[in-house]
Amino acid sequence: MPIRPARCYTHFSSPPYTRKEYIPGVPQPKITKFEMGNPKLDADYILSLIVLEDGQIRHNALEAMRVAAHKYLTANVGEGNYYLKVTRYPHHVLRENKMMAFAGADRLQDGMRLSFGKPIGTAVRVYKGYDVLVVKVKKEHLEHAKKALKVCSSKIPFPTMIKIEPAKNN
C-alpha cells in the first residue's frame, strides 16, 4: 500500500507508543546517519532548525530533511567545512488500520472504529522550541548554511525558524 500523507500522522492526542520490546514487526527508521561532515570543525556559528508547533515528524521526513541539507552543503561548502547533526531520534511507533481503498470499497468493508492497527513506521514527537537539526559552520559559509536549513525546513510539516548562535570555542 502507498504511504499516507503526513497530515494523517502530524498531530497527536494519545501517549507515545514506544515500547518496542512488546511490539512485533516495527520497521527500522529510514534515517541511519545522524551526524555528517567534519565533527572536529572549529566552527564560528551554530545554526539550529527550531520547530514552532507541537507534533510528529515521520522518519522518512527526517531522512529527506537530512539528505537535502547534506546535498546542499556538500555542493556549496565542501565536505570538510561543516558539521550537520539530526538531534532527534524517531522513537514513537506509528500504527495504521489498513483498509481497502479502491472504487466500491465502501460496499465491501466497514472498518471498526478506533481500531488499534499494525506498526507502519516511526516518528519523532516534537514540541514548540525543540531543535531538529543543527549545523556548525565557519563565518564565510554562514549564508550557505542558512539556505540549507531553509531548504530542509520545507521537508517537515511544521513552521520552523532558524536560530543562529556564535560557537563557544574553548
N, C-alpha and C. Protein backbone atom coordinates (compact mmCIF):
# COMPACT_ATOMS: atom_id res chain seq x y z
N MET A 1 0.84 -1.18 0.00
CA MET A 1 0.00 0.00 0.00
C MET A 1 0.89 1.24 0.00
N PRO A 2 0.44 2.32 -0.66
CA PRO A 2 1.23 3.55 -0.66
C PRO A 2 1.23 4.21 0.71
N ILE A 3 2.20 5.05 0.91
CA ILE A 3 2.32 5.75 2.19
C ILE A 3 1.26 6.85 2.28
N ARG A 4 0.67 6.99 3.45
CA ARG A 4 -0.35 8.02 3.64
C ARG A 4 0.30 9.39 3.74
N PRO A 5 -0.49 10.47 3.50
CA PRO A 5 0.08 11.81 3.62
C PRO A 5 0.45 12.15 5.07
N ALA A 6 1.34 13.11 5.24
CA ALA A 6 1.84 13.48 6.57
C ALA A 6 0.74 13.99 7.47
N ARG A 7 -0.31 14.57 6.90
CA ARG A 7 -1.39 15.12 7.74
C ARG A 7 -2.09 14.05 8.57
N CYS A 8 -1.97 12.78 8.17
CA CYS A 8 -2.59 11.69 8.93
C CYS A 8 -1.85 11.41 10.24
N TYR A 9 -0.59 11.82 10.32
CA TYR A 9 0.24 11.48 11.49
C TYR A 9 0.86 12.69 12.17
N THR A 10 0.56 13.89 11.72
CA THR A 10 1.24 15.08 12.23
C THR A 10 0.83 15.42 13.66
N HIS A 11 -0.45 15.35 13.97
CA HIS A 11 -0.93 15.73 15.30
C HIS A 11 -1.13 14.50 16.16
N PHE A 12 -1.00 14.67 17.47
CA PHE A 12 -1.17 13.53 18.36
C PHE A 12 -2.04 13.89 19.55
N SER A 13 -2.74 12.89 20.08
CA SER A 13 -3.58 13.11 21.24
C SER A 13 -3.44 11.98 22.25
N SER A 14 -2.68 10.95 21.91
CA SER A 14 -2.51 9.82 22.82
C SER A 14 -1.07 9.77 23.33
N PRO A 15 -0.82 8.98 24.37
CA PRO A 15 0.55 8.87 24.86
C PRO A 15 1.46 8.22 23.82
N PRO A 16 2.77 8.45 23.92
CA PRO A 16 3.67 7.84 22.94
C PRO A 16 3.67 6.32 23.04
N TYR A 17 3.80 5.67 21.92
CA TYR A 17 3.82 4.22 21.81
C TYR A 17 5.25 3.83 21.46
N THR A 18 6.06 3.55 22.49
CA THR A 18 7.50 3.43 22.27
C THR A 18 8.10 2.11 22.72
N ARG A 19 7.39 1.26 23.38
CA ARG A 19 7.98 0.05 23.97
C ARG A 19 8.16 -1.02 22.91
N LYS A 20 9.27 -0.92 22.17
CA LYS A 20 9.49 -1.80 21.02
C LYS A 20 9.69 -3.26 21.42
N GLU A 21 10.06 -3.52 22.67
CA GLU A 21 10.22 -4.91 23.08
C GLU A 21 8.89 -5.65 23.14
N TYR A 22 7.78 -4.91 23.19
CA TYR A 22 6.45 -5.52 23.22
C TYR A 22 5.72 -5.44 21.88
N ILE A 23 6.32 -4.78 20.90
CA ILE A 23 5.65 -4.55 19.62
C ILE A 23 6.32 -5.39 18.55
N PRO A 24 5.64 -6.38 18.00
CA PRO A 24 6.26 -7.17 16.94
C PRO A 24 6.18 -6.46 15.58
N GLY A 25 7.25 -6.53 14.81
CA GLY A 25 7.23 -6.04 13.44
C GLY A 25 7.35 -4.55 13.26
N VAL A 26 8.10 -3.87 14.15
CA VAL A 26 8.31 -2.44 13.96
C VAL A 26 9.37 -2.23 12.89
N PRO A 27 9.07 -1.51 11.80
CA PRO A 27 10.08 -1.28 10.77
C PRO A 27 11.19 -0.37 11.27
N GLN A 28 12.39 -0.57 10.74
CA GLN A 28 13.53 0.28 11.10
C GLN A 28 13.32 1.68 10.54
N PRO A 29 13.81 2.71 11.25
CA PRO A 29 13.71 4.07 10.69
C PRO A 29 14.56 4.20 9.43
N LYS A 30 14.09 5.00 8.48
CA LYS A 30 14.85 5.20 7.24
C LYS A 30 16.13 5.96 7.50
N ILE A 31 16.13 6.82 8.50
CA ILE A 31 17.31 7.62 8.78
C ILE A 31 18.34 6.75 9.50
N THR A 32 19.54 6.67 8.94
CA THR A 32 20.58 5.82 9.53
C THR A 32 21.77 6.63 10.04
N LYS A 33 22.13 7.71 9.34
CA LYS A 33 23.24 8.56 9.76
C LYS A 33 22.68 9.82 10.39
N PHE A 34 23.07 10.07 11.62
CA PHE A 34 22.58 11.26 12.32
C PHE A 34 23.60 12.38 12.33
N GLU A 35 24.88 12.05 12.07
CA GLU A 35 25.93 13.07 12.05
C GLU A 35 26.67 12.99 10.72
N MET A 36 26.92 14.14 10.11
CA MET A 36 27.61 14.19 8.82
C MET A 36 28.57 15.36 8.82
N GLY A 37 29.55 15.29 7.94
CA GLY A 37 30.52 16.37 7.82
C GLY A 37 31.72 16.14 8.73
N ASN A 38 32.30 17.24 9.18
CA ASN A 38 33.52 17.21 9.99
C ASN A 38 33.19 17.48 11.45
N PRO A 39 33.20 16.44 12.32
CA PRO A 39 32.85 16.67 13.73
C PRO A 39 33.89 17.48 14.51
N LYS A 40 35.11 17.57 14.00
CA LYS A 40 36.18 18.30 14.68
C LYS A 40 36.34 19.72 14.15
N LEU A 41 35.35 20.21 13.41
CA LEU A 41 35.42 21.53 12.80
C LEU A 41 35.45 22.61 13.88
N ASP A 42 36.35 23.56 13.73
CA ASP A 42 36.43 24.71 14.63
C ASP A 42 35.48 25.78 14.09
N ALA A 43 34.21 25.64 14.41
CA ALA A 43 33.16 26.46 13.81
C ALA A 43 33.02 27.82 14.49
N ASP A 44 32.53 28.78 13.73
CA ASP A 44 32.26 30.11 14.27
C ASP A 44 30.79 30.27 14.66
N TYR A 45 29.90 29.56 13.93
CA TYR A 45 28.47 29.69 14.18
C TYR A 45 27.79 28.33 14.28
N ILE A 46 26.75 28.28 15.11
CA ILE A 46 25.89 27.10 15.24
C ILE A 46 24.49 27.52 14.82
N LEU A 47 23.95 26.87 13.80
CA LEU A 47 22.60 27.17 13.32
C LEU A 47 21.69 26.01 13.70
N SER A 48 20.53 26.32 14.27
CA SER A 48 19.58 25.29 14.67
C SER A 48 18.26 25.52 13.96
N LEU A 49 17.63 24.43 13.53
CA LEU A 49 16.30 24.49 12.94
C LEU A 49 15.30 24.21 14.07
N ILE A 50 14.55 25.23 14.47
CA ILE A 50 13.65 25.17 15.62
C ILE A 50 12.21 25.00 15.14
N VAL A 51 11.47 24.07 15.76
CA VAL A 51 10.07 23.82 15.41
C VAL A 51 9.19 24.78 16.22
N LEU A 52 8.17 25.34 15.59
CA LEU A 52 7.31 26.33 16.23
C LEU A 52 5.94 25.79 16.65
N GLU A 53 5.67 24.50 16.42
CA GLU A 53 4.41 23.87 16.83
C GLU A 53 4.69 22.48 17.38
N ASP A 54 3.77 21.98 18.21
CA ASP A 54 3.84 20.60 18.69
C ASP A 54 3.37 19.66 17.59
N GLY A 55 3.96 18.47 17.52
CA GLY A 55 3.51 17.49 16.54
C GLY A 55 4.49 16.36 16.36
N GLN A 56 4.27 15.58 15.31
CA GLN A 56 5.12 14.43 14.99
C GLN A 56 5.73 14.60 13.61
N ILE A 57 6.99 14.19 13.49
CA ILE A 57 7.69 14.20 12.21
C ILE A 57 8.06 12.76 11.91
N ARG A 58 7.61 12.24 10.77
CA ARG A 58 7.88 10.85 10.42
C ARG A 58 9.35 10.65 10.06
N HIS A 59 9.79 9.40 10.18
CA HIS A 59 11.19 9.07 9.93
C HIS A 59 11.60 9.34 8.49
N ASN A 60 10.69 9.18 7.53
CA ASN A 60 11.07 9.46 6.14
C ASN A 60 11.19 10.96 5.89
N ALA A 61 10.46 11.79 6.63
CA ALA A 61 10.62 13.24 6.52
C ALA A 61 11.95 13.68 7.12
N LEU A 62 12.35 13.05 8.21
CA LEU A 62 13.67 13.34 8.81
C LEU A 62 14.78 12.99 7.83
N GLU A 63 14.65 11.84 7.18
CA GLU A 63 15.67 11.42 6.20
C GLU A 63 15.71 12.38 5.01
N ALA A 64 14.55 12.80 4.52
CA ALA A 64 14.50 13.74 3.40
C ALA A 64 15.14 15.07 3.79
N MET A 65 14.89 15.50 5.02
CA MET A 65 15.47 16.74 5.53
C MET A 65 17.00 16.62 5.61
N ARG A 66 17.49 15.52 6.14
CA ARG A 66 18.93 15.30 6.27
C ARG A 66 19.61 15.26 4.90
N VAL A 67 19.02 14.52 3.96
CA VAL A 67 19.60 14.39 2.62
C VAL A 67 19.64 15.74 1.91
N ALA A 68 18.56 16.53 2.02
CA ALA A 68 18.52 17.83 1.36
C ALA A 68 19.59 18.77 1.91
N ALA A 69 19.72 18.82 3.23
CA ALA A 69 20.72 19.70 3.85
C ALA A 69 22.14 19.24 3.50
N HIS A 70 22.38 17.93 3.57
CA HIS A 70 23.72 17.40 3.27
C HIS A 70 24.11 17.66 1.82
N LYS A 71 23.17 17.45 0.92
CA LYS A 71 23.45 17.65 -0.50
C LYS A 71 23.77 19.11 -0.80
N TYR A 72 22.99 20.02 -0.23
CA TYR A 72 23.23 21.45 -0.48
C TYR A 72 24.57 21.88 0.12
N LEU A 73 24.84 21.46 1.35
CA LEU A 73 26.09 21.88 2.00
C LEU A 73 27.31 21.28 1.32
N THR A 74 27.24 20.03 0.91
CA THR A 74 28.37 19.39 0.24
C THR A 74 28.67 20.09 -1.08
N ALA A 75 27.64 20.44 -1.83
CA ALA A 75 27.83 21.08 -3.14
C ALA A 75 28.37 22.50 -3.01
N ASN A 76 27.93 23.25 -1.99
CA ASN A 76 28.28 24.67 -1.91
C ASN A 76 29.39 25.01 -0.93
N VAL A 77 29.60 24.16 0.07
CA VAL A 77 30.58 24.46 1.12
C VAL A 77 31.76 23.51 1.07
N GLY A 78 31.50 22.25 0.78
CA GLY A 78 32.55 21.23 0.79
C GLY A 78 32.39 20.31 1.97
N GLU A 79 32.79 19.06 1.81
CA GLU A 79 32.56 18.01 2.82
C GLU A 79 33.17 18.33 4.19
N GLY A 80 34.36 18.91 4.21
CA GLY A 80 35.04 19.12 5.49
C GLY A 80 34.79 20.46 6.13
N ASN A 81 33.91 21.29 5.57
CA ASN A 81 33.73 22.66 6.07
C ASN A 81 32.43 22.86 6.85
N TYR A 82 31.78 21.80 7.23
CA TYR A 82 30.56 21.92 8.04
C TYR A 82 30.40 20.66 8.88
N TYR A 83 29.52 20.77 9.88
CA TYR A 83 29.13 19.62 10.69
C TYR A 83 27.63 19.68 10.84
N LEU A 84 26.93 18.60 10.48
CA LEU A 84 25.47 18.55 10.49
C LEU A 84 25.04 17.42 11.41
N LYS A 85 24.07 17.68 12.25
CA LYS A 85 23.58 16.65 13.17
C LYS A 85 22.06 16.71 13.27
N VAL A 86 21.40 15.56 13.09
CA VAL A 86 19.96 15.43 13.35
C VAL A 86 19.85 15.13 14.84
N THR A 87 19.19 16.01 15.59
CA THR A 87 19.23 15.92 17.05
C THR A 87 18.11 15.08 17.66
N ARG A 88 17.14 14.67 16.89
CA ARG A 88 16.02 13.88 17.43
C ARG A 88 16.01 12.49 16.81
N TYR A 89 15.61 11.49 17.62
CA TYR A 89 15.53 10.11 17.14
C TYR A 89 14.06 9.68 17.11
N PRO A 90 13.61 9.00 16.05
CA PRO A 90 12.20 8.60 15.96
C PRO A 90 11.87 7.38 16.84
N HIS A 91 11.40 7.65 18.06
CA HIS A 91 11.06 6.57 18.99
C HIS A 91 9.61 6.11 18.89
N HIS A 92 8.72 7.04 18.59
CA HIS A 92 7.28 6.75 18.61
C HIS A 92 6.90 5.86 17.43
N VAL A 93 6.18 4.76 17.69
CA VAL A 93 5.77 3.82 16.64
C VAL A 93 4.40 4.25 16.12
N LEU A 94 4.30 4.43 14.81
CA LEU A 94 3.04 4.80 14.16
C LEU A 94 2.27 3.54 13.80
N ARG A 95 0.95 3.60 13.96
CA ARG A 95 0.10 2.44 13.64
C ARG A 95 -0.94 2.85 12.60
N GLU A 96 -1.37 1.85 11.82
CA GLU A 96 -2.38 2.10 10.80
C GLU A 96 -3.31 0.91 10.72
N ASN A 97 -4.61 1.18 10.68
CA ASN A 97 -5.61 0.14 10.43
C ASN A 97 -5.80 0.10 8.93
N LYS A 98 -5.24 -0.91 8.29
CA LYS A 98 -5.28 -0.96 6.82
C LYS A 98 -6.71 -1.26 6.35
N MET A 99 -7.15 -0.44 5.42
CA MET A 99 -8.49 -0.58 4.87
C MET A 99 -8.36 -0.65 3.35
N MET A 100 -9.36 -1.25 2.72
CA MET A 100 -9.37 -1.27 1.26
C MET A 100 -9.63 0.15 0.75
N ALA A 101 -8.89 0.56 -0.25
CA ALA A 101 -9.01 1.93 -0.76
C ALA A 101 -9.11 1.92 -2.27
N PHE A 102 -10.21 1.42 -2.78
CA PHE A 102 -10.44 1.45 -4.23
C PHE A 102 -11.92 1.68 -4.46
N ALA A 103 -12.30 1.88 -5.71
CA ALA A 103 -13.69 2.19 -6.04
C ALA A 103 -14.60 1.04 -5.60
N GLY A 104 -15.61 1.36 -4.88
CA GLY A 104 -16.56 0.35 -4.41
C GLY A 104 -16.17 -0.29 -3.09
N ALA A 105 -15.08 0.15 -2.47
CA ALA A 105 -14.64 -0.47 -1.22
C ALA A 105 -15.60 -0.19 -0.08
N ASP A 106 -16.35 0.91 -0.17
CA ASP A 106 -17.29 1.22 0.91
C ASP A 106 -18.40 0.18 1.01
N ARG A 107 -18.71 -0.51 -0.08
CA ARG A 107 -19.73 -1.57 -0.01
C ARG A 107 -19.15 -2.86 0.56
N LEU A 108 -17.82 -3.01 0.48
CA LEU A 108 -17.19 -4.25 0.91
C LEU A 108 -16.73 -4.22 2.36
N GLN A 109 -16.37 -3.06 2.85
CA GLN A 109 -15.71 -3.02 4.14
C GLN A 109 -16.20 -1.83 4.97
N ASP A 110 -16.70 -2.12 6.13
CA ASP A 110 -16.96 -1.10 7.13
C ASP A 110 -16.01 -1.38 8.27
N GLY A 111 -15.00 -0.53 8.41
CA GLY A 111 -13.95 -0.78 9.40
C GLY A 111 -14.42 -0.53 10.82
N MET A 112 -13.74 -1.17 11.75
CA MET A 112 -14.04 -0.98 13.16
C MET A 112 -13.54 0.40 13.58
N ARG A 113 -14.34 1.13 14.31
CA ARG A 113 -13.93 2.45 14.76
C ARG A 113 -12.90 2.32 15.87
N LEU A 114 -11.95 3.25 15.89
CA LEU A 114 -10.89 3.32 16.90
C LEU A 114 -10.11 2.01 17.03
N SER A 115 -9.88 1.32 15.92
CA SER A 115 -9.12 0.08 15.98
C SER A 115 -7.65 0.38 16.20
N PHE A 116 -6.91 -0.57 16.75
CA PHE A 116 -5.54 -0.35 17.21
C PHE A 116 -4.56 -0.21 16.06
N GLY A 117 -4.56 -1.12 15.11
CA GLY A 117 -3.69 -1.01 13.94
C GLY A 117 -2.37 -1.72 14.09
N LYS A 118 -1.67 -1.86 12.97
CA LYS A 118 -0.37 -2.52 12.92
C LYS A 118 0.73 -1.47 12.73
N PRO A 119 1.94 -1.73 13.23
CA PRO A 119 3.02 -0.75 13.08
C PRO A 119 3.41 -0.55 11.62
N ILE A 120 3.54 0.72 11.21
CA ILE A 120 3.92 1.02 9.83
C ILE A 120 5.17 1.89 9.74
N GLY A 121 5.62 2.44 10.85
CA GLY A 121 6.79 3.32 10.81
C GLY A 121 7.02 3.95 12.16
N THR A 122 7.96 4.88 12.21
CA THR A 122 8.28 5.58 13.45
C THR A 122 8.23 7.08 13.22
N ALA A 123 8.17 7.82 14.32
CA ALA A 123 8.10 9.28 14.24
C ALA A 123 8.78 9.90 15.45
N VAL A 124 9.12 11.16 15.30
CA VAL A 124 9.68 11.96 16.38
C VAL A 124 8.57 12.83 16.92
N ARG A 125 8.39 12.85 18.22
CA ARG A 125 7.45 13.80 18.82
C ARG A 125 8.23 15.05 19.20
N VAL A 126 7.81 16.18 18.64
CA VAL A 126 8.49 17.44 18.94
C VAL A 126 7.49 18.42 19.53
N TYR A 127 8.00 19.30 20.35
CA TYR A 127 7.19 20.34 20.97
C TYR A 127 7.77 21.70 20.60
N LYS A 128 7.00 22.72 20.78
CA LYS A 128 7.42 24.07 20.40
C LYS A 128 8.76 24.41 21.05
N GLY A 129 9.70 24.85 20.22
CA GLY A 129 11.01 25.24 20.73
C GLY A 129 12.08 24.16 20.62
N TYR A 130 11.71 22.94 20.21
CA TYR A 130 12.70 21.87 20.05
C TYR A 130 13.52 22.11 18.79
N ASP A 131 14.80 21.77 18.87
CA ASP A 131 15.62 21.81 17.66
C ASP A 131 15.60 20.43 17.01
N VAL A 132 15.61 20.40 15.70
CA VAL A 132 15.54 19.15 14.94
C VAL A 132 16.86 18.89 14.23
N LEU A 133 17.50 19.96 13.78
CA LEU A 133 18.73 19.84 13.01
C LEU A 133 19.68 20.95 13.44
N VAL A 134 20.96 20.59 13.58
CA VAL A 134 21.98 21.57 13.97
C VAL A 134 23.10 21.52 12.94
N VAL A 135 23.54 22.70 12.50
CA VAL A 135 24.66 22.82 11.55
C VAL A 135 25.69 23.76 12.15
N LYS A 136 26.95 23.33 12.12
CA LYS A 136 28.06 24.18 12.56
C LYS A 136 28.90 24.53 11.34
N VAL A 137 29.19 25.84 11.18
CA VAL A 137 29.96 26.31 10.03
C VAL A 137 30.89 27.45 10.43
N LYS A 138 31.82 27.74 9.54
CA LYS A 138 32.69 28.92 9.69
C LYS A 138 31.93 30.15 9.20
N LYS A 139 32.50 31.32 9.51
CA LYS A 139 31.83 32.59 9.20
C LYS A 139 31.57 32.77 7.71
N GLU A 140 32.50 32.35 6.87
CA GLU A 140 32.34 32.57 5.42
C GLU A 140 31.27 31.68 4.79
N HIS A 141 30.80 30.64 5.49
CA HIS A 141 29.80 29.74 4.94
C HIS A 141 28.43 29.90 5.60
N LEU A 142 28.25 30.99 6.34
CA LEU A 142 27.01 31.19 7.09
C LEU A 142 25.79 31.29 6.18
N GLU A 143 25.88 32.02 5.08
CA GLU A 143 24.73 32.19 4.18
C GLU A 143 24.34 30.86 3.53
N HIS A 144 25.32 30.04 3.18
CA HIS A 144 25.02 28.73 2.60
C HIS A 144 24.32 27.83 3.63
N ALA A 145 24.75 27.91 4.87
CA ALA A 145 24.12 27.11 5.92
C ALA A 145 22.67 27.54 6.15
N LYS A 146 22.43 28.86 6.11
CA LYS A 146 21.05 29.36 6.25
C LYS A 146 20.17 28.85 5.13
N LYS A 147 20.70 28.89 3.91
CA LYS A 147 19.94 28.42 2.74
C LYS A 147 19.67 26.92 2.84
N ALA A 148 20.64 26.15 3.33
CA ALA A 148 20.45 24.70 3.50
C ALA A 148 19.34 24.41 4.52
N LEU A 149 19.31 25.15 5.61
CA LEU A 149 18.26 24.94 6.61
C LEU A 149 16.90 25.38 6.08
N LYS A 150 16.89 26.42 5.26
CA LYS A 150 15.62 26.85 4.65
C LYS A 150 15.10 25.78 3.70
N VAL A 151 15.99 25.16 2.92
CA VAL A 151 15.59 24.10 2.00
C VAL A 151 15.05 22.90 2.78
N CYS A 152 15.74 22.50 3.84
CA CYS A 152 15.29 21.30 4.55
C CYS A 152 14.09 21.57 5.47
N SER A 153 13.79 22.84 5.77
CA SER A 153 12.60 23.11 6.58
C SER A 153 11.32 22.83 5.80
N SER A 154 11.42 22.83 4.45
CA SER A 154 10.24 22.52 3.65
C SER A 154 9.90 21.04 3.69
N LYS A 155 10.77 20.20 4.20
CA LYS A 155 10.55 18.76 4.24
C LYS A 155 9.76 18.31 5.46
N ILE A 156 9.60 19.19 6.45
CA ILE A 156 8.85 18.81 7.64
C ILE A 156 7.54 19.59 7.70
N PRO A 157 6.51 19.02 8.33
CA PRO A 157 5.16 19.58 8.21
C PRO A 157 4.81 20.71 9.18
N PHE A 158 5.80 21.41 9.72
CA PHE A 158 5.54 22.47 10.68
C PHE A 158 6.25 23.75 10.28
N PRO A 159 5.77 24.89 10.76
CA PRO A 159 6.55 26.10 10.58
C PRO A 159 7.81 26.02 11.45
N THR A 160 8.90 26.55 10.93
CA THR A 160 10.17 26.49 11.65
C THR A 160 10.85 27.85 11.62
N MET A 161 11.87 27.99 12.46
CA MET A 161 12.72 29.17 12.42
C MET A 161 14.16 28.74 12.55
N ILE A 162 15.06 29.57 12.06
CA ILE A 162 16.48 29.27 12.12
C ILE A 162 17.10 30.14 13.20
N LYS A 163 17.73 29.50 14.18
CA LYS A 163 18.38 30.21 15.27
C LYS A 163 19.89 30.17 15.05
N ILE A 164 20.53 31.34 15.07
CA ILE A 164 21.97 31.43 14.83
C ILE A 164 22.65 31.90 16.11
N GLU A 165 23.65 31.14 16.56
CA GLU A 165 24.41 31.48 17.75
C GLU A 165 25.90 31.42 17.43
N PRO A 166 26.68 32.26 18.06
CA PRO A 166 28.13 32.11 17.91
C PRO A 166 28.57 30.86 18.67
N ALA A 167 29.53 30.12 18.09
CA ALA A 167 30.03 28.90 18.72
C ALA A 167 30.91 29.28 19.91
N LYS A 168 30.85 28.46 20.93
CA LYS A 168 31.69 28.66 22.10
C LYS A 168 32.97 27.87 21.90
N ASN A 169 34.01 28.52 21.42
CA ASN A 169 35.29 27.84 21.20
C ASN A 169 36.09 27.86 22.49
N ASN A 170 36.41 26.67 22.97
CA ASN A 170 37.15 26.58 24.23
C ASN A 170 38.64 26.50 23.98
